[in-house]
Protein backbone atom coordinates (compact mmCIF):
# COMPACT_ATOMS: atom_id res chain seq x y z
CA UNK A 1 74.68 202.25 99.49
CA UNK A 2 78.44 202.08 99.80
CA UNK A 3 80.14 205.02 98.12
CA UNK A 4 83.42 203.19 97.51
CA UNK A 5 81.85 201.05 94.80
CA UNK A 6 82.91 202.09 91.28
CA UNK A 7 79.46 202.80 89.83
CA UNK A 8 77.77 204.03 93.00
CA UNK A 9 77.04 207.48 91.52
CA UNK A 10 74.70 206.14 88.86
CA UNK A 11 71.87 205.65 91.34
CA UNK A 12 72.20 209.06 93.05
CA UNK A 13 70.44 212.30 92.25
CA UNK A 14 72.47 215.37 91.31
CA UNK A 15 72.19 216.91 94.81
CA UNK A 16 73.29 213.61 96.37
CA UNK A 17 76.32 213.48 94.06
CA UNK A 18 77.21 217.08 94.95
CA UNK A 19 76.97 216.20 98.64
CA UNK A 20 79.16 213.11 98.20
CA UNK A 21 81.81 215.02 96.25
CA UNK A 22 81.76 217.70 98.93
CA UNK A 23 82.34 215.06 101.62
CA UNK A 24 85.24 213.62 99.66
CA UNK A 25 86.85 217.04 99.19
CA UNK A 26 86.44 217.72 102.91
CA UNK A 27 88.00 214.35 103.78
CA UNK A 28 90.96 215.11 101.50
CA UNK A 29 91.36 218.59 103.06
CA UNK A 30 91.27 217.20 106.61
CA UNK A 31 93.73 214.42 105.68
CA UNK A 32 96.13 217.12 104.48
CA UNK A 33 95.71 219.02 107.75
CA UNK A 34 94.23 222.12 106.13
CA UNK A 35 91.37 224.19 107.44
CA UNK A 36 88.81 225.79 105.11
CA UNK A 37 90.54 229.18 105.18
CA UNK A 38 93.91 227.71 104.21
CA UNK A 39 92.36 225.71 101.38
CA UNK A 40 90.46 228.76 100.17
CA UNK A 41 93.68 230.81 100.07
CA UNK A 42 95.56 228.06 98.20
CA UNK A 43 92.71 227.76 95.69
CA UNK A 44 92.17 231.50 95.30
CA UNK A 45 88.59 231.20 96.56
CA UNK A 46 86.59 232.48 99.49
CA UNK A 47 86.16 230.40 102.64
CA UNK A 48 82.38 230.49 102.19
CA UNK A 49 82.81 228.90 98.77
CA UNK A 50 84.83 226.04 100.26
CA UNK A 51 82.20 225.67 103.00
CA UNK A 52 79.39 225.57 100.41
CA UNK A 53 81.13 222.97 98.23
CA UNK A 54 81.93 220.74 101.20
CA UNK A 55 78.29 220.90 102.27
CA UNK A 56 76.93 219.83 98.88
CA UNK A 57 75.82 223.22 97.63
CA UNK A 58 77.55 222.67 94.29
CA UNK A 59 80.05 224.77 92.42
CA UNK A 60 81.24 225.59 88.95
CA UNK A 61 83.73 223.40 87.14
CA UNK A 62 86.54 226.01 87.44
CA UNK A 63 85.94 226.15 91.21
CA UNK A 64 86.06 222.35 91.45
CA UNK A 65 89.31 222.28 89.44
CA UNK A 66 90.83 225.00 91.64
CA UNK A 67 89.98 222.99 94.75
CA UNK A 68 91.45 219.80 93.31
CA UNK A 69 94.61 221.65 92.31
CA UNK A 70 94.98 223.19 95.78
CA UNK A 71 94.53 219.74 97.34
CA UNK A 72 97.12 218.22 95.02
CA UNK A 73 94.47 215.93 93.58
CA UNK A 74 94.15 217.30 90.06
CA UNK A 75 95.63 214.08 88.67
CA UNK A 76 92.54 212.24 89.87
CA UNK A 77 90.49 213.85 87.10
CA UNK A 78 92.13 211.47 84.65
CA UNK A 79 90.46 208.61 86.53
CA UNK A 80 87.12 210.37 86.16
CA UNK A 81 87.29 210.45 82.37
CA UNK A 82 90.31 208.55 81.11
CA UNK A 83 91.51 209.43 77.63
CA UNK A 84 90.39 207.06 74.90
CA UNK A 85 92.94 204.50 73.86
CA UNK A 86 92.45 205.36 70.21
CA UNK A 87 90.40 208.19 68.78
CA UNK A 88 87.40 207.38 66.60
CA UNK A 89 89.02 209.17 63.67
CA UNK A 90 92.24 207.20 64.03
CA UNK A 91 90.21 204.01 64.33
CA UNK A 92 88.52 204.58 60.98
CA UNK A 93 91.87 205.38 59.39
CA UNK A 94 93.33 202.07 60.53
CA UNK A 95 90.56 199.99 59.04
CA UNK A 96 91.42 198.35 55.75
CA UNK A 97 88.76 199.05 53.18
CA UNK A 98 87.54 195.87 51.59
CA UNK A 99 86.99 196.07 47.88
CA UNK A 100 83.40 195.49 46.87
CA UNK A 101 84.22 194.10 43.44
CA UNK A 102 87.85 193.09 43.29
CA UNK A 103 89.24 192.43 39.84
CA UNK A 104 90.66 189.09 38.91
CA UNK A 105 94.30 189.05 38.06
CA UNK A 106 95.10 188.33 34.42
CA UNK A 107 97.05 185.21 33.70
CA UNK A 108 100.73 185.74 33.04
CA UNK A 109 101.86 185.89 29.43
CA UNK A 110 103.66 182.79 28.26
CA UNK A 111 107.38 183.00 27.65
CA UNK A 112 106.95 181.72 24.07
CA UNK A 113 105.31 183.80 21.37
CA UNK A 114 101.70 183.09 20.58
CA UNK A 115 100.89 180.93 17.61
CA UNK A 116 97.76 179.62 15.91
CA UNK A 117 98.89 176.10 16.22
CA UNK A 118 98.80 175.22 12.53
CA UNK A 119 102.28 176.45 11.75
CA UNK A 120 104.81 174.07 10.39
CA UNK A 121 108.15 173.79 12.01
């Protein structure tokens, strides 16, 4: 399975996803010319933690965020879960409520006064 396909994670187990994310973090670190110790110092983590994450041993979300920040890749989280274009609450507020039983408008009053019709001029 090619890992550059958009939905490739959906068919992987959790450990396989952790391993793939670890590989991607390692590739990013190597591309930046950092060793594990340098990345660990930039992220405020231990080198063994960086080693464990890169080898698919998993980590906490704060550790993952710290690594992304140290790699200058924190902006890529917005691609992971992009913000909704419109919130569900705002969506319901924009809907026009349709009246279930709309009233019928009364006819306009005539400009002349009302008469029985049997008046004499």
